[in-house]
Amino acid sequence: MPDQIKTGKRILFVDDDKFLLDMYALKFTKAGYEVRACDGTEVALKMLTEGFVPHIILADIVMPGMDGLDFVYKVRQDRLASDAIIIMLTNQGTSEDLAKAQKVRVDGYIIKALTIPSEVLVQVEKIYSSKGK
C-alpha cells in the first residue's frame, strides 16, 4: 500500500452514530488527516481538556446527553480549541437549527443526508481554506 499523504491537520469527529464515525474516519485518514473520533460530547470534551488540539472539529447536533450545539458553546466558552474550525455535520437543517448554530459561532454547516462522504471532505477543506487556514 502506498504511503499516505500527510496533511498535518488534526480533525475531531463527534457523532453518536458509530457507522458514520468509522466511515468519515476512514475517508479523512485516507486523505492524510490525523483523525480522532468520539461517540459522544462528554468523551470529546475530555479529549480536548486533556490536550488534544484539533485544527477542525466536526460535530453532529442530535446526541444523547449534551447535544452538539451545547458542545460547541462549551468549546468556544472554555477556549478548548480556540484556533479550531468548527463545522456542524448533521441532518438538522431547519432555519431554526442554522440560527442556533450561528449563535454559537460555527464556521460551517453540512447536511449529512445531502452530502456523500467524498463531498464532505471537499466541503470541509473549502471551509477550512476560506477561514485563512
N, C-alpha and C. Protein backbone atom coordinates (compact mmCIF):
# COMPACT_ATOMS: atom_id res chain seq x y z
N MET A 1 0.85 -1.20 0.00
CA MET A 1 0.00 0.00 0.00
C MET A 1 0.89 1.24 0.00
N PRO A 2 0.62 2.21 -0.89
CA PRO A 2 1.45 3.42 -0.94
C PRO A 2 1.32 4.23 0.33
N ASP A 3 2.37 5.00 0.61
CA ASP A 3 2.33 5.87 1.79
C ASP A 3 1.24 6.91 1.61
N GLN A 4 0.59 7.22 2.73
CA GLN A 4 -0.46 8.24 2.69
C GLN A 4 0.17 9.63 2.66
N ILE A 5 -0.49 10.54 2.01
CA ILE A 5 -0.07 11.93 2.05
C ILE A 5 -0.48 12.47 3.41
N LYS A 6 0.41 13.14 4.08
CA LYS A 6 0.09 13.70 5.40
C LYS A 6 -0.26 15.18 5.23
N THR A 7 -1.43 15.55 5.68
CA THR A 7 -1.82 16.96 5.60
C THR A 7 -1.29 17.72 6.80
N GLY A 8 -1.00 17.00 7.88
CA GLY A 8 -0.59 17.67 9.10
C GLY A 8 -1.77 18.21 9.88
N LYS A 9 -2.99 17.99 9.36
CA LYS A 9 -4.18 18.52 10.04
C LYS A 9 -4.80 17.45 10.93
N ARG A 10 -5.17 17.88 12.13
CA ARG A 10 -5.85 17.01 13.08
C ARG A 10 -7.34 17.35 13.06
N ILE A 11 -8.16 16.31 13.03
CA ILE A 11 -9.60 16.52 12.97
C ILE A 11 -10.29 15.66 14.02
N LEU A 12 -11.29 16.24 14.65
CA LEU A 12 -12.07 15.56 15.68
C LEU A 12 -13.50 15.43 15.19
N PHE A 13 -13.99 14.17 15.14
CA PHE A 13 -15.38 13.90 14.78
C PHE A 13 -16.14 13.57 16.06
N VAL A 14 -17.32 14.16 16.21
CA VAL A 14 -18.17 13.89 17.37
C VAL A 14 -19.56 13.53 16.84
N ASP A 15 -19.91 12.25 16.99
CA ASP A 15 -21.20 11.76 16.48
C ASP A 15 -21.53 10.47 17.22
N ASP A 16 -22.79 10.27 17.56
CA ASP A 16 -23.15 9.04 18.28
C ASP A 16 -23.43 7.87 17.33
N ASP A 17 -23.31 8.08 16.03
CA ASP A 17 -23.51 7.02 15.05
C ASP A 17 -22.15 6.40 14.71
N LYS A 18 -21.90 5.21 15.27
CA LYS A 18 -20.60 4.55 15.11
C LYS A 18 -20.28 4.27 13.64
N PHE A 19 -21.28 3.86 12.87
CA PHE A 19 -21.05 3.58 11.45
C PHE A 19 -20.54 4.82 10.72
N LEU A 20 -21.19 5.96 10.95
CA LEU A 20 -20.77 7.20 10.30
C LEU A 20 -19.39 7.63 10.79
N LEU A 21 -19.14 7.50 12.09
CA LEU A 21 -17.82 7.84 12.63
C LEU A 21 -16.73 7.05 11.90
N ASP A 22 -16.94 5.74 11.78
CA ASP A 22 -15.95 4.88 11.13
C ASP A 22 -15.77 5.26 9.66
N MET A 23 -16.88 5.54 8.99
CA MET A 23 -16.83 5.88 7.57
C MET A 23 -16.06 7.19 7.34
N TYR A 24 -16.39 8.23 8.12
CA TYR A 24 -15.71 9.51 7.96
C TYR A 24 -14.25 9.41 8.42
N ALA A 25 -13.99 8.65 9.47
CA ALA A 25 -12.61 8.47 9.94
C ALA A 25 -11.76 7.84 8.82
N LEU A 26 -12.29 6.84 8.16
CA LEU A 26 -11.57 6.19 7.07
C LEU A 26 -11.34 7.16 5.91
N LYS A 27 -12.37 7.87 5.51
CA LYS A 27 -12.28 8.81 4.39
C LYS A 27 -11.22 9.89 4.67
N PHE A 28 -11.24 10.48 5.88
CA PHE A 28 -10.31 11.55 6.19
C PHE A 28 -8.90 11.03 6.47
N THR A 29 -8.78 9.83 7.04
CA THR A 29 -7.46 9.23 7.25
C THR A 29 -6.78 8.98 5.90
N LYS A 30 -7.55 8.45 4.95
CA LYS A 30 -7.00 8.21 3.61
C LYS A 30 -6.57 9.52 2.94
N ALA A 31 -7.20 10.62 3.31
CA ALA A 31 -6.85 11.92 2.75
C ALA A 31 -5.67 12.56 3.49
N GLY A 32 -5.14 11.86 4.50
CA GLY A 32 -3.95 12.35 5.19
C GLY A 32 -4.16 13.07 6.50
N TYR A 33 -5.39 13.08 6.98
CA TYR A 33 -5.67 13.73 8.26
C TYR A 33 -5.34 12.79 9.43
N GLU A 34 -4.97 13.39 10.57
CA GLU A 34 -4.91 12.64 11.82
C GLU A 34 -6.31 12.73 12.41
N VAL A 35 -6.98 11.60 12.53
CA VAL A 35 -8.39 11.58 12.92
C VAL A 35 -8.57 11.04 14.33
N ARG A 36 -9.38 11.75 15.10
CA ARG A 36 -9.88 11.23 16.38
C ARG A 36 -11.39 11.24 16.27
N ALA A 37 -12.02 10.18 16.74
CA ALA A 37 -13.48 10.06 16.66
C ALA A 37 -14.04 9.77 18.04
N CYS A 38 -15.07 10.51 18.42
CA CYS A 38 -15.71 10.34 19.72
C CYS A 38 -17.19 10.10 19.50
N ASP A 39 -17.75 9.13 20.24
CA ASP A 39 -19.17 8.81 20.07
C ASP A 39 -20.06 9.58 21.03
N GLY A 40 -19.54 10.65 21.61
CA GLY A 40 -20.34 11.49 22.48
C GLY A 40 -19.59 12.77 22.84
N THR A 41 -20.34 13.76 23.24
CA THR A 41 -19.75 15.07 23.55
C THR A 41 -18.90 15.04 24.82
N GLU A 42 -19.29 14.24 25.80
CA GLU A 42 -18.51 14.18 27.05
C GLU A 42 -17.11 13.62 26.77
N VAL A 43 -17.03 12.58 25.95
CA VAL A 43 -15.75 11.98 25.58
C VAL A 43 -14.90 13.00 24.82
N ALA A 44 -15.53 13.74 23.92
CA ALA A 44 -14.82 14.76 23.14
C ALA A 44 -14.30 15.87 24.04
N LEU A 45 -15.11 16.33 24.99
CA LEU A 45 -14.66 17.37 25.92
C LEU A 45 -13.46 16.90 26.73
N LYS A 46 -13.52 15.65 27.17
CA LYS A 46 -12.41 15.08 27.95
C LYS A 46 -11.14 15.06 27.10
N MET A 47 -11.25 14.65 25.86
CA MET A 47 -10.10 14.61 24.97
C MET A 47 -9.49 16.00 24.79
N LEU A 48 -10.36 17.00 24.63
CA LEU A 48 -9.88 18.37 24.45
C LEU A 48 -9.24 18.91 25.73
N THR A 49 -9.85 18.64 26.87
CA THR A 49 -9.28 19.15 28.13
C THR A 49 -7.98 18.44 28.48
N GLU A 50 -7.79 17.23 27.94
CA GLU A 50 -6.55 16.50 28.19
C GLU A 50 -5.45 16.86 27.19
N GLY A 51 -5.73 17.82 26.31
CA GLY A 51 -4.66 18.35 25.48
C GLY A 51 -4.69 18.08 23.99
N PHE A 52 -5.68 17.33 23.49
CA PHE A 52 -5.76 17.16 22.04
C PHE A 52 -6.15 18.49 21.42
N VAL A 53 -5.38 18.93 20.42
CA VAL A 53 -5.63 20.22 19.78
C VAL A 53 -5.92 20.00 18.29
N PRO A 54 -7.20 19.93 17.95
CA PRO A 54 -7.56 19.72 16.54
C PRO A 54 -7.52 21.02 15.74
N HIS A 55 -7.31 20.88 14.45
CA HIS A 55 -7.44 22.01 13.54
C HIS A 55 -8.91 22.19 13.15
N ILE A 56 -9.63 21.05 13.11
CA ILE A 56 -11.02 21.04 12.66
C ILE A 56 -11.83 20.14 13.60
N ILE A 57 -13.03 20.58 13.96
CA ILE A 57 -13.97 19.77 14.73
C ILE A 57 -15.24 19.65 13.91
N LEU A 58 -15.71 18.42 13.70
CA LEU A 58 -17.00 18.18 13.07
C LEU A 58 -17.90 17.53 14.10
N ALA A 59 -19.05 18.12 14.34
CA ALA A 59 -19.95 17.60 15.37
C ALA A 59 -21.38 17.52 14.85
N ASP A 60 -22.06 16.44 15.27
CA ASP A 60 -23.48 16.29 15.00
C ASP A 60 -24.24 17.14 16.02
N ILE A 61 -25.48 17.44 15.76
CA ILE A 61 -26.29 18.18 16.73
C ILE A 61 -26.99 17.21 17.68
N VAL A 62 -27.73 16.26 17.12
CA VAL A 62 -28.56 15.38 17.94
C VAL A 62 -27.71 14.24 18.50
N MET A 63 -27.49 14.30 19.81
CA MET A 63 -26.75 13.25 20.52
C MET A 63 -27.31 13.15 21.92
N PRO A 64 -27.16 11.97 22.54
CA PRO A 64 -27.65 11.83 23.91
C PRO A 64 -26.82 12.70 24.87
N GLY A 65 -27.44 13.12 25.96
CA GLY A 65 -26.74 13.98 26.91
C GLY A 65 -26.62 15.37 26.32
N MET A 66 -25.43 15.92 26.38
CA MET A 66 -25.17 17.25 25.81
C MET A 66 -25.22 17.17 24.29
N ASP A 67 -26.04 18.02 23.66
CA ASP A 67 -26.11 17.97 22.20
C ASP A 67 -24.92 18.71 21.58
N GLY A 68 -24.81 18.63 20.27
CA GLY A 68 -23.67 19.22 19.57
C GLY A 68 -23.56 20.72 19.69
N LEU A 69 -24.69 21.42 19.72
CA LEU A 69 -24.63 22.88 19.84
C LEU A 69 -24.16 23.29 21.23
N ASP A 70 -24.62 22.60 22.27
CA ASP A 70 -24.13 22.88 23.62
C ASP A 70 -22.64 22.55 23.72
N PHE A 71 -22.22 21.49 23.05
CA PHE A 71 -20.81 21.12 23.00
C PHE A 71 -19.99 22.25 22.38
N VAL A 72 -20.43 22.76 21.24
CA VAL A 72 -19.71 23.84 20.57
C VAL A 72 -19.66 25.08 21.47
N TYR A 73 -20.78 25.40 22.10
CA TYR A 73 -20.81 26.54 23.01
C TYR A 73 -19.76 26.39 24.11
N LYS A 74 -19.68 25.20 24.71
CA LYS A 74 -18.71 24.94 25.78
C LYS A 74 -17.28 25.02 25.26
N VAL A 75 -17.02 24.45 24.08
CA VAL A 75 -15.68 24.51 23.49
C VAL A 75 -15.28 25.96 23.27
N ARG A 76 -16.20 26.76 22.74
CA ARG A 76 -15.91 28.19 22.50
C ARG A 76 -15.74 28.94 23.82
N GLN A 77 -16.67 28.75 24.74
CA GLN A 77 -16.64 29.48 26.01
C GLN A 77 -15.38 29.17 26.82
N ASP A 78 -15.00 27.89 26.87
CA ASP A 78 -13.85 27.48 27.66
C ASP A 78 -12.54 27.52 26.87
N ARG A 79 -12.62 27.97 25.63
CA ARG A 79 -11.44 28.08 24.75
C ARG A 79 -10.64 26.77 24.70
N LEU A 80 -11.37 25.67 24.52
CA LEU A 80 -10.74 24.35 24.49
C LEU A 80 -10.03 24.07 23.17
N ALA A 81 -10.43 24.74 22.13
CA ALA A 81 -9.79 24.58 20.82
C ALA A 81 -9.95 25.92 20.09
N SER A 82 -9.32 26.94 20.64
CA SER A 82 -9.60 28.30 20.18
C SER A 82 -9.25 28.56 18.72
N ASP A 83 -8.32 27.82 18.16
CA ASP A 83 -7.96 28.03 16.75
C ASP A 83 -8.67 27.07 15.81
N ALA A 84 -9.48 26.15 16.35
CA ALA A 84 -10.13 25.14 15.51
C ALA A 84 -11.29 25.73 14.70
N ILE A 85 -11.42 25.21 13.50
CA ILE A 85 -12.59 25.48 12.68
C ILE A 85 -13.65 24.47 13.13
N ILE A 86 -14.85 24.95 13.46
CA ILE A 86 -15.90 24.04 13.93
C ILE A 86 -17.03 24.01 12.91
N ILE A 87 -17.34 22.78 12.49
CA ILE A 87 -18.36 22.56 11.46
C ILE A 87 -19.40 21.59 12.01
N MET A 88 -20.66 21.93 11.85
CA MET A 88 -21.73 21.01 12.21
C MET A 88 -21.93 20.07 11.03
N LEU A 89 -21.94 18.77 11.32
CA LEU A 89 -22.19 17.74 10.32
C LEU A 89 -23.41 16.98 10.82
N THR A 90 -24.57 17.35 10.30
CA THR A 90 -25.82 16.93 10.92
C THR A 90 -26.92 16.74 9.89
N ASN A 91 -28.01 16.15 10.30
CA ASN A 91 -29.20 16.06 9.46
C ASN A 91 -30.22 17.14 9.81
N GLN A 92 -29.91 17.94 10.81
CA GLN A 92 -30.81 19.03 11.23
C GLN A 92 -30.58 20.22 10.30
N GLY A 93 -31.57 20.58 9.52
CA GLY A 93 -31.34 21.63 8.53
C GLY A 93 -32.38 22.72 8.48
N THR A 94 -33.18 22.87 9.54
CA THR A 94 -34.19 23.94 9.53
C THR A 94 -33.51 25.29 9.73
N SER A 95 -34.22 26.35 9.40
CA SER A 95 -33.66 27.68 9.60
C SER A 95 -33.40 27.94 11.09
N GLU A 96 -34.22 27.33 11.95
CA GLU A 96 -34.01 27.46 13.40
C GLU A 96 -32.69 26.79 13.82
N ASP A 97 -32.41 25.60 13.25
CA ASP A 97 -31.15 24.91 13.54
C ASP A 97 -29.96 25.75 13.09
N LEU A 98 -30.06 26.30 11.89
CA LEU A 98 -28.98 27.13 11.36
C LEU A 98 -28.77 28.38 12.22
N ALA A 99 -29.85 28.98 12.68
CA ALA A 99 -29.74 30.17 13.53
C ALA A 99 -29.06 29.83 14.86
N LYS A 100 -29.41 28.69 15.44
CA LYS A 100 -28.77 28.26 16.69
C LYS A 100 -27.28 28.03 16.47
N ALA A 101 -26.94 27.43 15.35
CA ALA A 101 -25.53 27.16 15.04
C ALA A 101 -24.75 28.46 14.87
N GLN A 102 -25.36 29.44 14.20
CA GLN A 102 -24.70 30.74 14.03
C GLN A 102 -24.48 31.41 15.38
N LYS A 103 -25.44 31.24 16.28
CA LYS A 103 -25.36 31.85 17.60
C LYS A 103 -24.15 31.34 18.40
N VAL A 104 -23.79 30.06 18.21
CA VAL A 104 -22.63 29.51 18.92
C VAL A 104 -21.36 29.61 18.07
N ARG A 105 -21.45 30.36 16.97
CA ARG A 105 -20.30 30.70 16.13
C ARG A 105 -19.64 29.50 15.44
N VAL A 106 -20.46 28.68 14.79
CA VAL A 106 -19.87 27.61 13.98
C VAL A 106 -19.32 28.23 12.70
N ASP A 107 -18.33 27.56 12.13
CA ASP A 107 -17.68 28.07 10.92
C ASP A 107 -18.29 27.50 9.64
N GLY A 108 -19.04 26.40 9.79
CA GLY A 108 -19.64 25.78 8.62
C GLY A 108 -20.75 24.84 9.03
N TYR A 109 -21.55 24.45 8.06
CA TYR A 109 -22.73 23.62 8.34
C TYR A 109 -22.94 22.70 7.15
N ILE A 110 -22.87 21.40 7.38
CA ILE A 110 -23.04 20.42 6.31
C ILE A 110 -24.18 19.48 6.69
N ILE A 111 -25.11 19.29 5.77
CA ILE A 111 -26.24 18.38 5.99
C ILE A 111 -25.82 16.98 5.50
N LYS A 112 -25.75 16.03 6.44
CA LYS A 112 -25.29 14.67 6.13
C LYS A 112 -26.10 14.02 5.01
N ALA A 113 -27.41 14.11 5.09
CA ALA A 113 -28.29 13.40 4.16
C ALA A 113 -28.14 13.90 2.72
N LEU A 114 -27.62 15.10 2.56
CA LEU A 114 -27.49 15.68 1.22
C LEU A 114 -26.07 15.61 0.68
N THR A 115 -25.15 15.02 1.45
CA THR A 115 -23.74 15.09 1.11
C THR A 115 -23.06 13.73 1.27
N ILE A 116 -22.50 13.20 0.19
CA ILE A 116 -21.78 11.93 0.29
C ILE A 116 -20.41 12.20 0.94
N PRO A 117 -19.79 11.17 1.54
CA PRO A 117 -18.54 11.38 2.28
C PRO A 117 -17.43 12.10 1.51
N SER A 118 -17.25 11.80 0.23
CA SER A 118 -16.20 12.49 -0.52
C SER A 118 -16.53 13.98 -0.66
N GLU A 119 -17.82 14.33 -0.75
CA GLU A 119 -18.21 15.74 -0.80
C GLU A 119 -18.02 16.41 0.55
N VAL A 120 -18.22 15.65 1.63
CA VAL A 120 -17.97 16.20 2.98
C VAL A 120 -16.50 16.61 3.08
N LEU A 121 -15.61 15.75 2.61
CA LEU A 121 -14.18 16.05 2.62
C LEU A 121 -13.90 17.34 1.85
N VAL A 122 -14.45 17.46 0.66
CA VAL A 122 -14.25 18.65 -0.17
C VAL A 122 -14.79 19.89 0.54
N GLN A 123 -16.00 19.79 1.10
CA GLN A 123 -16.60 20.94 1.77
C GLN A 123 -15.80 21.35 3.00
N VAL A 124 -15.33 20.36 3.78
CA VAL A 124 -14.53 20.67 4.96
C VAL A 124 -13.26 21.42 4.55
N GLU A 125 -12.61 20.95 3.49
CA GLU A 125 -11.38 21.61 3.05
C GLU A 125 -11.66 23.02 2.52
N LYS A 126 -12.81 23.20 1.86
CA LYS A 126 -13.21 24.52 1.38
C LYS A 126 -13.45 25.49 2.55
N ILE A 127 -14.19 25.01 3.56
CA ILE A 127 -14.48 25.85 4.73
C ILE A 127 -13.17 26.19 5.45
N TYR A 128 -12.31 25.20 5.61
CA TYR A 128 -11.01 25.40 6.28
C TYR A 128 -10.20 26.47 5.54
N SER A 129 -10.12 26.35 4.22
CA SER A 129 -9.35 27.30 3.41
C SER A 129 -9.96 28.69 3.44
N SER A 130 -11.31 28.76 3.47
CA SER A 130 -11.99 30.06 3.47
C SER A 130 -11.74 30.84 4.77
N LYS A 131 -11.33 30.13 5.81
CA LYS A 131 -11.05 30.78 7.10
C LYS A 131 -9.58 31.20 7.20
N GLY A 132 -8.88 31.09 6.07
CA GLY A 132 -7.48 31.53 6.04
C GLY A 132 -6.53 30.58 6.72
N LYS A 133 -6.92 29.34 6.81
CA LYS A 133 -6.07 28.35 7.47
C LYS A 133 -5.22 27.63 6.45
